[in-house]
Amino acid sequence: MRAYPTLLITLVVMAYGCRSHAPDPLQPKRIVDLSPPVSEVSACQWLGRRACESIGIPARLPFTPVKPGNPQFSFGFMMFTVVSHSGAHLDAPGRLIRDGVAADQVPLERLYGPVQLWDVRWHDRTTPLQINDLTQQPEIRPGHILLLLSGYTPPATGDWPTYTWLSPQAASWLAAQPIRALATDMPSIGSLQQSWKLLEQEQQPEEVWAERLPFFSAGIPVIEGLTNLEQLLHEETATFVGFPLAIADRSGAPMRAAALVY
């Protein structure tokens, strides 16, 4: 009779040992960081001096130590000034649409899901993507987060950044597809230079931001400013996760984005 408790204890220990050494089925093979680092100068390094001057972004943003009343006491805290639409970020519908949600109100389930990557680096960087450019890509996978790899590189001089972008017609076509979200390495899904020209011409907002409104109206999140998308080119199974800071503002918010490769 005494052998039974001993045998039971042995089986429990063996079972626990096997379970503790078993691989975690949810653990990815690797995690690809899709967010460029944020620093005092990263915004204008990414967008270029010409765009920053036009938008009104300082060349260097304040990163300031918090100083207590007694200078002998220090907690090592910092205050950061960051741009809502620089680096990896979410563009909030509330920026352009009446009653549109703020960054902290975008459903998180729309920002997490399987990846489909379209490589559009073949397109020239002086004209926008058109509908026929998109229809040449693989068929849309419903419920996936669509990643557009444009191969963006920051401008080396004081010029406007150059990259391929979405025409209003292509944006309307894409927003009608069953995608969970749109994410890209483009600093903007529209041309920053073209948007500036339309603003100088005092065009209506629906003209200036024509490529964004279809996504916002359809409830499709728009994520811009990603990096390292080329590392996902030959991966068959990956999951995107990109949660913005829960900033209660209608502009947008920086995020930390990554791809979990399985």
Protein backbone atom coordinates (compact mmCIF):
# COMPACT_ATOMS: atom_id res chain seq x y z
CA MET A 1 0.00 0.00 0.00
CA ARG A 2 2.90 2.37 0.72
CA ALA A 3 4.16 2.10 -2.86
CA TYR A 4 1.12 3.83 -4.33
CA PRO A 5 1.75 7.30 -2.87
CA THR A 6 5.40 7.10 -3.94
CA LEU A 7 4.40 6.05 -7.46
CA LEU A 8 1.83 8.87 -7.65
CA ILE A 9 4.38 11.48 -6.59
CA THR A 10 6.88 10.15 -9.15
CA LEU A 11 4.31 10.39 -11.98
CA VAL A 12 3.35 13.94 -11.01
CA VAL A 13 7.00 15.03 -10.95
CA MET A 14 7.65 13.40 -14.33
CA ALA A 15 4.57 15.00 -15.86
CA TYR A 16 5.51 18.43 -14.54
CA GLY A 17 9.08 18.04 -15.77
CA CYS A 18 7.93 17.11 -19.27
CA ARG A 19 5.49 19.99 -19.37
CA SER A 20 8.04 22.54 -18.20
CA HIS A 21 10.45 21.55 -20.97
CA ALA A 22 7.84 21.33 -23.72
CA PRO A 23 8.08 24.09 -26.38
CA ASP A 24 5.57 26.93 -26.09
CA PRO A 25 3.35 26.64 -29.19
CA LEU A 26 2.66 30.40 -29.04
CA GLN A 27 6.31 31.43 -28.97
CA PRO A 28 7.38 32.78 -32.40
CA LYS A 29 10.57 31.73 -34.13
CA ARG A 30 11.66 35.35 -34.08
CA ILE A 31 10.29 38.83 -33.54
CA VAL A 32 10.98 41.52 -36.13
CA ASP A 33 11.00 45.04 -34.73
CA LEU A 34 9.11 47.29 -37.16
CA SER A 35 9.58 50.56 -35.26
CA PRO A 36 12.44 53.00 -35.84
CA PRO A 37 13.94 54.44 -32.64
CA VAL A 38 12.62 57.75 -31.32
CA SER A 39 15.15 60.43 -30.37
CA GLU A 40 15.51 64.20 -30.22
CA VAL A 41 16.36 64.35 -33.94
CA SER A 42 14.65 61.25 -35.37
CA ALA A 43 11.57 63.05 -36.71
CA CYS A 44 13.46 65.31 -39.10
CA GLN A 45 16.03 62.67 -39.92
CA TRP A 46 13.13 60.51 -41.10
CA LEU A 47 11.10 63.16 -42.93
CA GLY A 48 13.88 65.45 -44.09
CA ARG A 49 14.53 69.13 -43.41
CA ARG A 50 12.17 70.46 -46.11
CA ALA A 51 9.15 68.57 -44.80
CA CYS A 52 9.91 69.47 -41.19
CA GLU A 53 10.22 73.17 -42.00
CA SER A 54 6.91 73.15 -43.86
CA ILE A 55 5.01 71.14 -41.24
CA GLY A 56 6.55 73.09 -38.37
CA ILE A 57 8.54 70.33 -36.67
CA PRO A 58 11.74 71.56 -34.94
CA ALA A 59 14.99 69.96 -36.03
CA ARG A 60 15.58 68.90 -32.42
CA LEU A 61 12.77 68.05 -30.02
CA PRO A 62 13.07 68.57 -26.25
CA PHE A 63 14.14 65.57 -24.20
CA THR A 64 14.31 67.20 -20.77
CA PRO A 65 15.28 65.79 -17.36
CA VAL A 66 12.67 66.30 -14.64
CA LYS A 67 14.16 68.48 -11.94
CA PRO A 68 12.64 68.27 -8.45
CA GLY A 69 12.35 71.29 -6.17
CA ASN A 70 15.42 70.16 -4.32
CA PRO A 71 18.17 69.70 -6.95
CA GLN A 72 19.89 67.18 -4.70
CA PHE A 73 16.99 64.78 -5.22
CA SER A 74 16.70 63.04 -8.57
CA PHE A 75 14.49 60.20 -9.69
CA GLY A 76 15.98 59.97 -13.18
CA PHE A 77 12.69 60.93 -14.89
CA MET A 78 12.53 62.51 -18.34
CA MET A 79 9.97 64.53 -20.27
CA PHE A 80 9.77 63.75 -24.00
CA THR A 81 8.32 65.81 -26.83
CA VAL A 82 7.37 63.54 -29.72
CA VAL A 83 5.47 64.11 -32.95
CA SER A 84 2.21 62.18 -33.26
CA HIS A 85 2.92 61.39 -36.94
CA SER A 86 6.61 60.54 -36.92
CA GLY A 87 8.20 57.12 -36.88
CA ALA A 88 5.84 54.17 -36.45
CA HIS A 89 2.46 55.73 -35.73
CA LEU A 90 -1.29 55.38 -36.04
CA ASP A 91 -3.24 58.06 -37.90
CA ALA A 92 -6.51 58.57 -36.01
CA PRO A 93 -9.78 59.03 -37.95
CA GLY A 94 -10.76 61.81 -35.55
CA ARG A 95 -8.12 64.03 -37.15
CA LEU A 96 -10.21 64.41 -40.29
CA ILE A 97 -13.68 62.96 -39.72
CA ARG A 98 -16.36 64.50 -37.55
CA ASP A 99 -17.07 62.12 -34.65
CA GLY A 100 -14.09 59.99 -35.74
CA VAL A 101 -12.35 58.05 -33.01
CA ALA A 102 -9.19 59.20 -31.27
CA ALA A 103 -6.02 57.12 -31.10
CA ASP A 104 -6.98 55.57 -27.76
CA GLN A 105 -10.38 54.50 -29.13
CA VAL A 106 -9.24 52.47 -32.13
CA PRO A 107 -10.15 48.80 -31.39
CA LEU A 108 -6.97 46.92 -30.55
CA GLU A 109 -8.22 43.80 -32.35
CA ARG A 110 -7.85 45.78 -35.61
CA LEU A 111 -4.15 46.29 -34.83
CA TYR A 112 -3.27 42.63 -34.26
CA GLY A 113 -3.57 39.90 -36.86
CA PRO A 114 -2.05 37.83 -39.64
CA VAL A 115 0.19 39.56 -42.16
CA GLN A 116 -0.03 39.86 -45.92
CA LEU A 117 2.91 41.70 -47.50
CA TRP A 118 2.85 43.45 -50.87
CA ASP A 119 6.24 44.49 -52.24
CA VAL A 120 5.78 47.63 -54.36
CA ARG A 121 9.42 48.70 -54.46
CA TRP A 122 9.39 48.23 -58.22
CA HIS A 123 7.19 51.31 -58.60
CA ASP A 124 8.87 54.63 -59.34
CA ARG A 125 8.96 57.21 -56.58
CA THR A 126 7.59 60.18 -58.48
CA THR A 127 4.07 58.93 -59.23
CA PRO A 128 1.37 57.34 -57.05
CA LEU A 129 0.20 53.77 -57.05
CA GLN A 130 -2.90 53.29 -59.18
CA ILE A 131 -5.62 50.64 -59.04
CA ASN A 132 -4.02 48.57 -61.80
CA ASP A 133 -0.76 48.50 -59.80
CA LEU A 134 -2.59 46.99 -56.84
CA THR A 135 -4.60 44.47 -58.84
CA GLN A 136 -1.31 42.97 -60.06
CA GLN A 137 -0.50 41.97 -56.49
CA PRO A 138 -1.52 38.64 -54.91
CA GLU A 139 -5.17 38.27 -54.03
CA ILE A 140 -6.27 39.91 -50.81
CA ARG A 141 -6.54 37.56 -47.84
CA PRO A 142 -9.64 38.57 -45.88
CA GLY A 143 -9.00 39.60 -42.29
CA HIS A 144 -5.27 40.14 -42.78
CA ILE A 145 -3.25 43.25 -42.01
CA LEU A 146 -1.88 44.42 -45.34
CA LEU A 147 1.73 45.63 -45.28
CA LEU A 148 2.91 47.79 -48.18
CA LEU A 149 6.69 47.71 -48.62
CA SER A 150 7.72 50.80 -50.59
CA GLY A 151 11.43 50.78 -49.71
CA TYR A 152 11.30 54.29 -48.29
CA THR A 153 14.60 55.96 -47.46
CA PRO A 154 14.88 59.41 -45.85
CA PRO A 155 16.02 62.28 -48.09
CA ALA A 156 19.74 63.00 -47.91
CA THR A 157 19.38 66.73 -48.62
CA GLY A 158 16.86 69.49 -47.97
CA ASP A 159 14.45 68.05 -50.53
CA TRP A 160 10.98 66.69 -49.88
CA PRO A 161 10.96 62.94 -49.19
CA THR A 162 10.35 60.89 -52.33
CA TYR A 163 8.47 57.59 -52.30
CA THR A 164 5.58 55.95 -54.04
CA TRP A 165 2.21 56.71 -52.47
CA LEU A 166 -1.47 55.86 -52.92
CA SER A 167 -3.59 57.75 -55.40
CA PRO A 168 -7.10 58.61 -54.14
CA GLN A 169 -8.54 56.06 -56.56
CA ALA A 170 -6.19 53.31 -55.38
CA ALA A 171 -6.97 54.19 -51.76
CA SER A 172 -10.72 53.92 -52.40
CA TRP A 173 -10.25 50.55 -54.09
CA LEU A 174 -8.08 49.22 -51.29
CA ALA A 175 -10.41 50.49 -48.55
CA ALA A 176 -13.19 48.45 -50.15
CA GLN A 177 -11.20 45.23 -49.66
CA PRO A 178 -11.68 43.01 -46.56
CA ILE A 179 -8.43 43.98 -44.82
CA ARG A 180 -8.08 44.39 -41.06
CA ALA A 181 -5.67 47.34 -41.27
CA LEU A 182 -3.22 48.99 -43.65
CA ALA A 183 0.40 49.41 -42.55
CA THR A 184 3.41 50.67 -44.50
CA ASP A 185 6.95 51.98 -44.35
CA MET A 186 5.82 55.11 -46.20
CA PRO A 187 6.01 58.18 -43.96
CA SER A 188 2.54 58.98 -45.28
CA ILE A 189 0.17 57.05 -47.57
CA GLY A 190 -0.18 60.31 -49.48
CA SER A 191 2.51 62.57 -50.90
CA LEU A 192 3.63 65.08 -48.28
CA GLN A 193 4.78 67.45 -51.00
CA GLN A 194 1.48 67.19 -52.87
CA SER A 195 -0.49 67.73 -49.67
CA TRP A 196 1.51 70.88 -48.99
CA LYS A 197 0.80 72.20 -52.49
CA LEU A 198 -2.94 71.61 -52.04
CA LEU A 199 -2.85 73.40 -48.70
CA GLU A 200 -1.11 76.38 -50.31
CA GLN A 201 -3.87 76.40 -52.93
CA GLU A 202 -6.45 76.48 -50.11
CA GLN A 203 -8.07 73.26 -51.28
CA GLN A 204 -10.75 71.60 -49.16
CA PRO A 205 -9.66 68.93 -46.63
CA GLU A 206 -11.36 66.21 -48.66
CA GLU A 207 -8.99 67.06 -51.50
CA VAL A 208 -5.86 67.47 -49.39
CA TRP A 209 -6.38 64.17 -47.55
CA ALA A 210 -8.30 62.29 -50.24
CA GLU A 211 -6.25 59.10 -49.86
CA ARG A 212 -7.07 58.79 -46.12
CA LEU A 213 -10.79 59.39 -45.98
CA PRO A 214 -11.82 56.05 -47.58
CA PHE A 215 -9.94 54.09 -44.88
CA PHE A 216 -11.28 56.23 -42.06
CA SER A 217 -14.84 55.93 -43.35
CA ALA A 218 -14.46 52.15 -43.59
CA GLY A 219 -13.02 51.85 -40.07
CA ILE A 220 -9.67 50.56 -41.37
CA PRO A 221 -6.70 51.73 -39.26
CA VAL A 222 -3.82 53.38 -41.12
CA ILE A 223 -0.31 52.76 -39.76
CA GLU A 224 2.69 54.55 -41.25
CA GLY A 225 6.43 54.96 -40.73
CA LEU A 226 7.36 51.30 -40.21
CA THR A 227 10.81 49.85 -40.86
CA ASN A 228 12.39 46.42 -41.54
CA LEU A 229 9.44 45.19 -43.61
CA GLU A 230 11.87 43.58 -46.07
CA GLN A 231 12.71 41.03 -43.36
CA LEU A 232 9.23 39.56 -43.83
CA LEU A 233 9.48 39.04 -47.59
CA HIS A 234 10.01 35.27 -47.51
CA GLU A 235 8.06 34.47 -44.35
CA GLU A 236 4.89 32.45 -44.87
CA THR A 237 3.33 32.97 -41.44
CA ALA A 238 3.66 36.15 -39.43
CA THR A 239 1.45 38.15 -37.11
CA PHE A 240 1.48 41.93 -36.88
CA VAL A 241 1.08 43.68 -33.56
CA GLY A 242 1.17 47.45 -33.22
CA PHE A 243 -0.47 49.14 -30.27
CA PRO A 244 -0.35 52.95 -30.09
CA LEU A 245 0.07 54.90 -26.92
CA ALA A 246 -3.39 55.41 -25.43
CA ILE A 247 -3.30 59.14 -26.05
CA ALA A 248 -6.74 60.71 -25.82
CA ASP A 249 -6.18 62.97 -28.80
CA ARG A 250 -7.77 63.06 -32.23
CA SER A 251 -4.48 63.43 -34.11
CA GLY A 252 -2.79 60.05 -33.78
CA ALA A 253 -0.16 58.38 -31.66
CA PRO A 254 3.28 56.76 -31.85
CA MET A 255 3.34 52.98 -31.51
CA ARG A 256 5.72 50.09 -31.02
CA ALA A 257 5.08 47.70 -33.89
CA ALA A 258 6.50 44.23 -34.44
CA ALA A 259 5.95 41.09 -36.49
CA LEU A 260 5.85 37.69 -34.80
CA VAL A 261 7.27 35.14 -37.25
CA TYR A 262 6.11 31.53 -36.83
